């Protein structure tokens, strides 16, 4: 497998086994941005302008607090809160629809989420190109355990003759369908088996792979399948 600066991280992700490869891609990008925003970027003026305006979602702010330097997090929050106070809650404010809408929008914006989404789209372009250009990568892709529902939609939305070599597009679509649908079929069976454990006739029965079916169903539906 020929590698370059673009393909190395993708190949490393797909060489791993267990769970959804795009979930692994997401966690890689997520960790990089948590480290970045609480590290060197914290004092970058252009970054702070954006973080002051859009802030952070609960998930990523919690990760920053848990894993980043507390002073860095405090400085980021200091200027973000000042922005909120000045723009959305000035001391002389009266009820305002525009301010209420601005506060509502702030609940759905996050610097880290935006950067991850941008990077994932670029990383997926490498996945599409690799599938058409590299036989070993096609094998690695087909050997993945699953694709979660969220990332199945993302992968399929970007797959086209412009992104995947036309000679391999149908194969790519078929394999991608199998990775998601095959896991879903197994998951349906496991959830059904889990419900049957509560029937008195199943007393003492080994739960087998159904014991964590509820958790795996949630991960499948909303991402973060770790294996």
C-alpha atoms as a PDB file:
ATOM      1  CA  UNK A   1       0.000   0.000   0.000  1.00  0.00           C
ATOM      2  CA  UNK A   2       1.541   3.293  -1.113  1.00  0.00           C
ATOM      3  CA  UNK A   3       1.287   5.976   1.535  1.00  0.00           C
ATOM      4  CA  UNK A   4       1.645   9.726   1.733  1.00  0.00           C
ATOM      5  CA  UNK A   5       0.836  12.443   4.264  1.00  0.00           C
ATOM      6  CA  UNK A   6      -2.865  12.291   3.341  1.00  0.00           C
ATOM      7  CA  UNK A   7      -3.304   8.515   3.313  1.00  0.00           C
ATOM      8  CA  UNK A   8      -1.279   7.542   6.415  1.00  0.00           C
ATOM      9  CA  UNK A   9      -3.922   8.592   9.015  1.00  0.00           C
ATOM     10  CA  UNK A  10      -6.713   6.994   6.948  1.00  0.00           C
ATOM     11  CA  UNK A  11      -4.815   3.740   6.520  1.00  0.00           C
ATOM     12  CA  UNK A  12      -4.021   3.653  10.247  1.00  0.00           C
ATOM     13  CA  UNK A  13      -7.710   4.088  11.097  1.00  0.00           C
ATOM     14  CA  UNK A  14      -8.808   1.315   8.752  1.00  0.00           C
ATOM     15  CA  UNK A  15      -6.078  -1.060   9.885  1.00  0.00           C
ATOM     16  CA  UNK A  16      -7.743  -1.059  13.289  1.00  0.00           C
ATOM     17  CA  UNK A  17     -10.653  -3.385  13.925  1.00  0.00           C
ATOM     18  CA  UNK A  18     -13.652  -3.018  16.171  1.00  0.00           C
ATOM     19  CA  UNK A  19     -16.546  -0.661  15.739  1.00  0.00           C
ATOM     20  CA  UNK A  20     -17.209   1.962  13.094  1.00  0.00           C
ATOM     21  CA  UNK A  21     -14.140   3.353  11.280  1.00  0.00           C
ATOM     22  CA  UNK A  22     -15.701   6.792  10.834  1.00  0.00           C
ATOM     23  CA  UNK A  23     -16.403   6.895  14.581  1.00  0.00           C
ATOM     24  CA  UNK A  24     -12.670   6.248  15.068  1.00  0.00           C
ATOM     25  CA  UNK A  25     -11.931   9.011  12.563  1.00  0.00           C
ATOM     26  CA  UNK A  26     -14.212  11.362  14.496  1.00  0.00           C
ATOM     27  CA  UNK A  27     -12.557  10.553  17.841  1.00  0.00           C
ATOM     28  CA  UNK A  28      -9.108  11.136  16.332  1.00  0.00           C
ATOM     29  CA  UNK A  29     -10.119  14.567  15.039  1.00  0.00           C
ATOM     30  CA  UNK A  30     -11.967  15.353  18.268  1.00  0.00           C
ATOM     31  CA  UNK A  31      -8.935  14.648  20.452  1.00  0.00           C
ATOM     32  CA  UNK A  32      -6.693  16.686  18.172  1.00  0.00           C
ATOM     33  CA  UNK A  33      -8.972  19.718  18.413  1.00  0.00           C
ATOM     34  CA  UNK A  34      -9.464  19.442  22.171  1.00  0.00           C
ATOM     35  CA  UNK A  35      -5.675  19.477  22.534  1.00  0.00           C
ATOM     36  CA  UNK A  36      -5.326  22.259  19.962  1.00  0.00           C
ATOM     37  CA  UNK A  37      -7.932  24.638  21.363  1.00  0.00           C
ATOM     38  CA  UNK A  38      -6.651  24.326  24.932  1.00  0.00           C
ATOM     39  CA  UNK A  39      -3.030  24.486  23.760  1.00  0.00           C
ATOM     40  CA  UNK A  40      -1.329  26.652  21.128  1.00  0.00           C
ATOM     41  CA  UNK A  41      -4.552  27.959  19.549  1.00  0.00           C
ATOM     42  CA  UNK A  42      -5.827  29.343  22.835  1.00  0.00           C
ATOM     43  CA  UNK A  43      -3.853  32.574  22.377  1.00  0.00           C
ATOM     44  CA  UNK A  44      -4.311  32.877  18.590  1.00  0.00           C
ATOM     45  CA  UNK A  45      -6.379  36.051  17.945  1.00  0.00           C
ATOM     46  CA  UNK A  46      -8.120  34.680  14.833  1.00  0.00           C
ATOM     47  CA  UNK A  47      -9.206  31.553  16.710  1.00  0.00           C
ATOM     48  CA  UNK A  48     -10.394  33.500  19.737  1.00  0.00           C
ATOM     49  CA  UNK A  49     -12.590  35.727  17.566  1.00  0.00           C
ATOM     50  CA  UNK A  50     -14.446  32.608  16.422  1.00  0.00           C
ATOM     51  CA  UNK A  51     -14.604  30.849  19.801  1.00  0.00           C
ATOM     52  CA  UNK A  52     -15.859  34.046  21.433  1.00  0.00           C
ATOM     53  CA  UNK A  53     -18.739  34.135  18.972  1.00  0.00           C
ATOM     54  CA  UNK A  54     -19.748  30.453  18.621  1.00  0.00           C
ATOM     55  CA  UNK A  55     -18.576  28.929  21.917  1.00  0.00           C
ATOM     56  CA  UNK A  56     -18.584  25.181  22.562  1.00  0.00           C
ATOM     57  CA  UNK A  57     -21.172  22.439  22.865  1.00  0.00           C
ATOM     58  CA  UNK A  58     -21.625  20.693  26.210  1.00  0.00           C
ATOM     59  CA  UNK A  59     -19.739  17.567  25.092  1.00  0.00           C
ATOM     60  CA  UNK A  60     -16.633  19.405  23.971  1.00  0.00           C
ATOM     61  CA  UNK A  61     -16.613  21.949  26.777  1.00  0.00           C
ATOM     62  CA  UNK A  62     -16.808  19.043  29.226  1.00  0.00           C
ATOM     63  CA  UNK A  63     -13.848  17.379  27.491  1.00  0.00           C
ATOM     64  CA  UNK A  64     -11.876  20.616  27.579  1.00  0.00           C
ATOM     65  CA  UNK A  65     -12.525  20.973  31.313  1.00  0.00           C
ATOM     66  CA  UNK A  66     -11.626  17.329  31.965  1.00  0.00           C
ATOM     67  CA  UNK A  67      -8.461  17.132  29.865  1.00  0.00           C
ATOM     68  CA  UNK A  68      -7.202  20.642  29.113  1.00  0.00           C
ATOM     69  CA  UNK A  69      -5.194  23.054  31.252  1.00  0.00           C
ATOM     70  CA  UNK A  70      -7.717  24.788  33.497  1.00  0.00           C
ATOM     71  CA  UNK A  71      -6.186  28.234  32.946  1.00  0.00           C
ATOM     72  CA  UNK A  72      -6.542  27.820  29.175  1.00  0.00           C
ATOM     73  CA  UNK A  73     -10.200  26.849  29.554  1.00  0.00           C
ATOM     74  CA  UNK A  74     -10.812  29.774  31.937  1.00  0.00           C
ATOM     75  CA  UNK A  75      -9.275  32.279  29.506  1.00  0.00           C
ATOM     76  CA  UNK A  76     -11.375  30.918  26.616  1.00  0.00           C
ATOM     77  CA  UNK A  77     -14.514  31.155  28.732  1.00  0.00           C
ATOM     78  CA  UNK A  78     -13.623  34.620  30.024  1.00  0.00           C
ATOM     79  CA  UNK A  79     -13.745  36.247  26.591  1.00  0.00           C
ATOM     80  CA  UNK A  80     -16.625  34.073  25.366  1.00  0.00           C
ATOM     81  CA  UNK A  81     -18.754  35.064  28.369  1.00  0.00           C
ATOM     82  CA  UNK A  82     -17.853  38.708  27.806  1.00  0.00           C
ATOM     83  CA  UNK A  83     -19.066  38.327  24.205  1.00  0.00           C
ATOM     84  CA  UNK A  84     -22.334  36.790  25.403  1.00  0.00           C
ATOM     85  CA  UNK A  85     -22.818  39.570  27.947  1.00  0.00           C
ATOM     86  CA  UNK A  86     -22.083  42.359  25.472  1.00  0.00           C
ATOM     87  CA  UNK A  87     -23.933  40.999  22.456  1.00  0.00           C
ATOM     88  CA  UNK A  88     -26.808  39.016  23.923  1.00  0.00           C
ATOM     89  CA  UNK A  89     -27.373  40.240  27.479  1.00  0.00           C
ATOM     90  CA  UNK A  90     -26.347  43.895  27.783  1.00  0.00           C
ATOM     91  CA  UNK A  91     -27.210  45.496  31.105  1.00  0.00           C
ATOM     92  CA  UNK A  92     -29.765  47.822  29.516  1.00  0.00           C
ATOM     93  CA  UNK A  93     -31.431  45.103  27.479  1.00  0.00           C
ATOM     94  CA  UNK A  94     -35.179  44.811  27.162  1.00  0.00           C
ATOM     95  CA  UNK A  95     -37.017  41.743  25.847  1.00  0.00           C
ATOM     96  CA  UNK A  96     -35.810  41.263  22.292  1.00  0.00           C
ATOM     97  CA  UNK A  97     -36.677  38.567  19.778  1.00  0.00           C
ATOM     98  CA  UNK A  98     -33.316  38.925  18.039  1.00  0.00           C
ATOM     99  CA  UNK A  99     -31.415  38.420  21.305  1.00  0.00           C
ATOM    100  CA  UNK A 100     -33.555  35.405  22.199  1.00  0.00           C
ATOM    101  CA  UNK A 101     -32.897  33.921  18.773  1.00  0.00           C
ATOM    102  CA  UNK A 102     -29.176  34.636  19.175  1.00  0.00           C
ATOM    103  CA  UNK A 103     -29.110  32.794  22.495  1.00  0.00           C
ATOM    104  CA  UNK A 104     -31.008  29.881  20.932  1.00  0.00           C
ATOM    105  CA  UNK A 105     -28.521  29.706  18.044  1.00  0.00           C
ATOM    106  CA  UNK A 106     -25.636  29.702  20.520  1.00  0.00           C
ATOM    107  CA  UNK A 107     -26.920  26.395  21.921  1.00  0.00           C
ATOM    108  CA  UNK A 108     -26.272  24.774  18.534  1.00  0.00           C
ATOM    109  CA  UNK A 109     -22.838  26.168  17.697  1.00  0.00           C
ATOM    110  CA  UNK A 110     -19.422  24.832  18.660  1.00  0.00           C
ATOM    111  CA  UNK A 111     -15.940  25.638  17.426  1.00  0.00           C
ATOM    112  CA  UNK A 112     -14.738  22.048  17.874  1.00  0.00           C
ATOM    113  CA  UNK A 113     -17.795  20.532  16.142  1.00  0.00           C
ATOM    114  CA  UNK A 114     -17.345  22.853  13.173  1.00  0.00           C
ATOM    115  CA  UNK A 115     -13.657  22.003  12.782  1.00  0.00           C
ATOM    116  CA  UNK A 116     -14.304  18.268  13.092  1.00  0.00           C
ATOM    117  CA  UNK A 117     -17.043  18.385  10.468  1.00  0.00           C
ATOM    118  CA  UNK A 118     -14.713  20.249   8.110  1.00  0.00           C
ATOM    119  CA  UNK A 119     -11.891  17.741   8.637  1.00  0.00           C
ATOM    120  CA  UNK A 120     -14.102  14.642   8.346  1.00  0.00           C
ATOM    121  CA  UNK A 121     -15.342  15.772   4.941  1.00  0.00           C
ATOM    122  CA  UNK A 122     -11.746  16.165   3.765  1.00  0.00           C
ATOM    123  CA  UNK A 123     -10.697  12.812   5.258  1.00  0.00           C
ATOM    124  CA  UNK A 124     -13.613  11.139   3.476  1.00  0.00           C
ATOM    125  CA  UNK A 125     -12.320  12.439   0.156  1.00  0.00           C
ATOM    126  CA  UNK A 126      -9.154  10.446   0.828  1.00  0.00           C
ATOM    127  CA  UNK A 127     -11.252   7.366   1.690  1.00  0.00           C
ATOM    128  CA  UNK A 128     -13.087   7.603  -1.639  1.00  0.00           C
ATOM    129  CA  UNK A 129      -9.849   8.103  -3.576  1.00  0.00           C
ATOM    130  CA  UNK A 130      -8.099   5.250  -1.774  1.00  0.00           C
ATOM    131  CA  UNK A 131     -10.955   2.851  -2.479  1.00  0.00           C
ATOM    132  CA  UNK A 132     -10.578   3.409  -6.191  1.00  0.00           C
ATOM    133  CA  UNK A 133      -6.791   3.428  -6.234  1.00  0.00           C
ATOM    134  CA  UNK A 134      -5.594   0.813  -3.747  1.00  0.00           C
ATOM    135  CA  UNK A 135      -6.554  -2.858  -3.634  1.00  0.00           C
ATOM    136  CA  UNK A 136      -5.281  -3.348  -0.086  1.00  0.00           C
ATOM    137  CA  UNK A 137      -7.371  -0.430   1.140  1.00  0.00           C
ATOM    138  CA  UNK A 138     -10.454  -1.957  -0.511  1.00  0.00           C
ATOM    139  CA  UNK A 139      -9.761  -5.106   1.474  1.00  0.00           C
ATOM    140  CA  UNK A 140      -9.353  -3.155   4.728  1.00  0.00           C
ATOM    141  CA  UNK A 141     -12.571  -1.248   4.082  1.00  0.00           C
ATOM    142  CA  UNK A 142     -14.535  -4.424   3.424  1.00  0.00           C
ATOM    143  CA  UNK A 143     -13.205  -6.082   6.588  1.00  0.00           C
ATOM    144  CA  UNK A 144     -14.567  -3.403   8.931  1.00  0.00           C
ATOM    145  CA  UNK A 145     -16.999  -4.554  11.604  1.00  0.00           C
ATOM    146  CA  UNK A 146     -19.727  -2.030  10.844  1.00  0.00           C
ATOM    147  CA  UNK A 147     -20.771   1.498   9.987  1.00  0.00           C
ATOM    148  CA  UNK A 148     -23.066   3.316  12.400  1.00  0.00           C
ATOM    149  CA  UNK A 149     -26.239   4.799  10.955  1.00  0.00           C
ATOM    150  CA  UNK A 150     -25.050   8.395  11.197  1.00  0.00           C
ATOM    151  CA  UNK A 151     -21.796   7.728   9.392  1.00  0.00           C
ATOM    152  CA  UNK A 152     -23.391   5.412   6.843  1.00  0.00           C
ATOM    153  CA  UNK A 153     -25.480   8.415   5.774  1.00  0.00           C
ATOM    154  CA  UNK A 154     -22.376  10.623   5.633  1.00  0.00           C
ATOM    155  CA  UNK A 155     -20.374   8.100   3.592  1.00  0.00           C
ATOM    156  CA  UNK A 156     -23.173   7.466   1.115  1.00  0.00           C
ATOM    157  CA  UNK A 157     -23.978  11.178   0.714  1.00  0.00           C
ATOM    158  CA  UNK A 158     -20.459  11.832  -0.570  1.00  0.00           C
ATOM    159  CA  UNK A 159     -20.052   8.751  -2.764  1.00  0.00           C
ATOM    160  CA  UNK A 160     -20.365   9.523  -6.452  1.00  0.00           C
ATOM    161  CA  UNK A 161     -18.524   9.138  -9.751  1.00  0.00           C
ATOM    162  CA  UNK A 162     -16.695  12.344  -8.856  1.00  0.00           C
ATOM    163  CA  UNK A 163     -15.313  10.957  -5.600  1.00  0.00           C
ATOM    164  CA  UNK A 164     -14.979   7.182  -6.210  1.00  0.00           C
ATOM    165  CA  UNK A 165     -13.444   5.719  -9.367  1.00  0.00           C
ATOM    166  CA  UNK A 166     -16.415   4.816 -11.576  1.00  0.00           C
ATOM    167  CA  UNK A 167     -15.124   1.250 -11.944  1.00  0.00           C
ATOM    168  CA  UNK A 168     -15.404   0.726  -8.173  1.00  0.00           C
ATOM    169  CA  UNK A 169     -18.408   2.891  -7.270  1.00  0.00           C
ATOM    170  CA  UNK A 170     -20.995   0.094  -7.383  1.00  0.00           C
ATOM    171  CA  UNK A 171     -18.715  -2.141  -5.331  1.00  0.00           C
ATOM    172  CA  UNK A 172     -18.129   0.655  -2.805  1.00  0.00           C
ATOM    173  CA  UNK A 173     -21.868   1.206  -2.402  1.00  0.00           C
ATOM    174  CA  UNK A 174     -22.532  -2.528  -2.003  1.00  0.00           C
ATOM    175  CA  UNK A 175     -19.806  -2.978   0.620  1.00  0.00           C
ATOM    176  CA  UNK A 176     -20.921   0.134   2.516  1.00  0.00           C
ATOM    177  CA  UNK A 177     -24.512  -1.152   2.548  1.00  0.00           C
ATOM    178  CA  UNK A 178     -23.317  -4.499   3.875  1.00  0.00           C
ATOM    179  CA  UNK A 179     -21.293  -2.919   6.687  1.00  0.00           C
ATOM    180  CA  UNK A 180     -24.315  -0.998   7.946  1.00  0.00           C
ATOM    181  CA  UNK A 181     -27.173  -3.382   7.133  1.00  0.00           C
ATOM    182  CA  UNK A 182     -25.299  -6.478   8.291  1.00  0.00           C
ATOM    183  CA  UNK A 183     -24.593  -4.924  11.671  1.00  0.00           C
ATOM    184  CA  UNK A 184     -28.188  -3.716  11.943  1.00  0.00           C
ATOM    185  CA  UNK A 185     -29.517  -7.228  11.266  1.00  0.00           C
ATOM    186  CA  UNK A 186     -27.325  -8.647  14.033  1.00  0.00           C
ATOM    187  CA  UNK A 187     -28.300  -5.816  16.353  1.00  0.00           C
ATOM    188  CA  UNK A 188     -32.015  -6.426  15.779  1.00  0.00           C
ATOM    189  CA  UNK A 189     -31.524 -10.094  16.672  1.00  0.00           C
ATOM    190  CA  UNK A 190     -29.564  -9.206  19.806  1.00  0.00           C
ATOM    191  CA  UNK A 191     -32.127  -6.660  21.036  1.00  0.00           C
ATOM    192  CA  UNK A 192     -34.905  -9.193  20.472  1.00  0.00           C
ATOM    193  CA  UNK A 193     -32.908 -11.832  22.338  1.00  0.00           C
ATOM    194  CA  UNK A 194     -32.369  -9.354  25.192  1.00  0.00           C
ATOM    195  CA  UNK A 195     -36.100  -8.764  25.579  1.00  0.00           C
ATOM    196  CA  UNK A 196     -36.682 -12.520  25.762  1.00  0.00           C
ATOM    197  CA  UNK A 197     -34.371 -12.748  28.767  1.00  0.00           C
ATOM    198  CA  UNK A 198     -37.176 -11.197  30.812  1.00  0.00           C
ATOM    199  CA  UNK A 199     -39.559 -14.039  29.974  1.00  0.00           C
ATOM    200  CA  UNK A 200     -39.770 -16.474  32.905  1.00  0.00           C
ATOM    201  CA  UNK A 201     -39.146 -19.302  30.460  1.00  0.00           C
ATOM    202  CA  UNK A 202     -35.678 -17.888  29.820  1.00  0.00           C
ATOM    203  CA  UNK A 203     -34.606 -17.992  33.474  1.00  0.00           C
ATOM    204  CA  UNK A 204     -30.942 -18.905  33.755  1.00  0.00           C
ATOM    205  CA  UNK A 205     -30.317 -18.509  30.032  1.00  0.00           C
ATOM    206  CA  UNK A 206     -26.894 -17.182  28.997  1.00  0.00           C
ATOM    207  CA  UNK A 207     -27.433 -13.662  27.538  1.00  0.00           C
ATOM    208  CA  UNK A 208     -24.530 -14.125  25.136  1.00  0.00           C
ATOM    209  CA  UNK A 209     -24.040 -11.202  22.754  1.00  0.00           C
ATOM    210  CA  UNK A 210     -27.387  -9.682  23.766  1.00  0.00           C
ATOM    211  CA  UNK A 211     -26.169  -8.526  27.187  1.00  0.00           C
ATOM    212  CA  UNK A 212     -25.063  -5.098  25.880  1.00  0.00           C
ATOM    213  CA  UNK A 213     -27.568  -4.873  23.022  1.00  0.00           C
ATOM    214  CA  UNK A 214     -29.236  -1.715  24.360  1.00  0.00           C
ATOM    215  CA  UNK A 215     -25.934   0.169  24.582  1.00  0.00           C
ATOM    216  CA  UNK A 216     -24.854  -0.999  21.121  1.00  0.00           C
ATOM    217  CA  UNK A 217     -28.218   0.039  19.669  1.00  0.00           C
ATOM    218  CA  UNK A 218     -27.762   3.564  21.058  1.00  0.00           C
ATOM    219  CA  UNK A 219     -24.240   3.709  19.636  1.00  0.00           C
ATOM    220  CA  UNK A 220     -25.444   2.476  16.235  1.00  0.00           C
ATOM    221  CA  UNK A 221     -28.209   5.068  16.063  1.00  0.00           C
ATOM    222  CA  UNK A 222     -26.141   8.036  17.237  1.00  0.00           C
ATOM    223  CA  UNK A 223     -22.493   7.166  16.568  1.00  0.00           C
ATOM    224  CA  UNK A 224     -19.472   6.469  18.758  1.00  0.00           C
ATOM    225  CA  UNK A 225     -19.298   2.707  18.131  1.00  0.00           C
ATOM    226  CA  UNK A 226     -16.015   1.698  19.726  1.00  0.00           C
ATOM    227  CA  UNK A 227     -16.165  -2.044  19.149  1.00  0.00           C
END
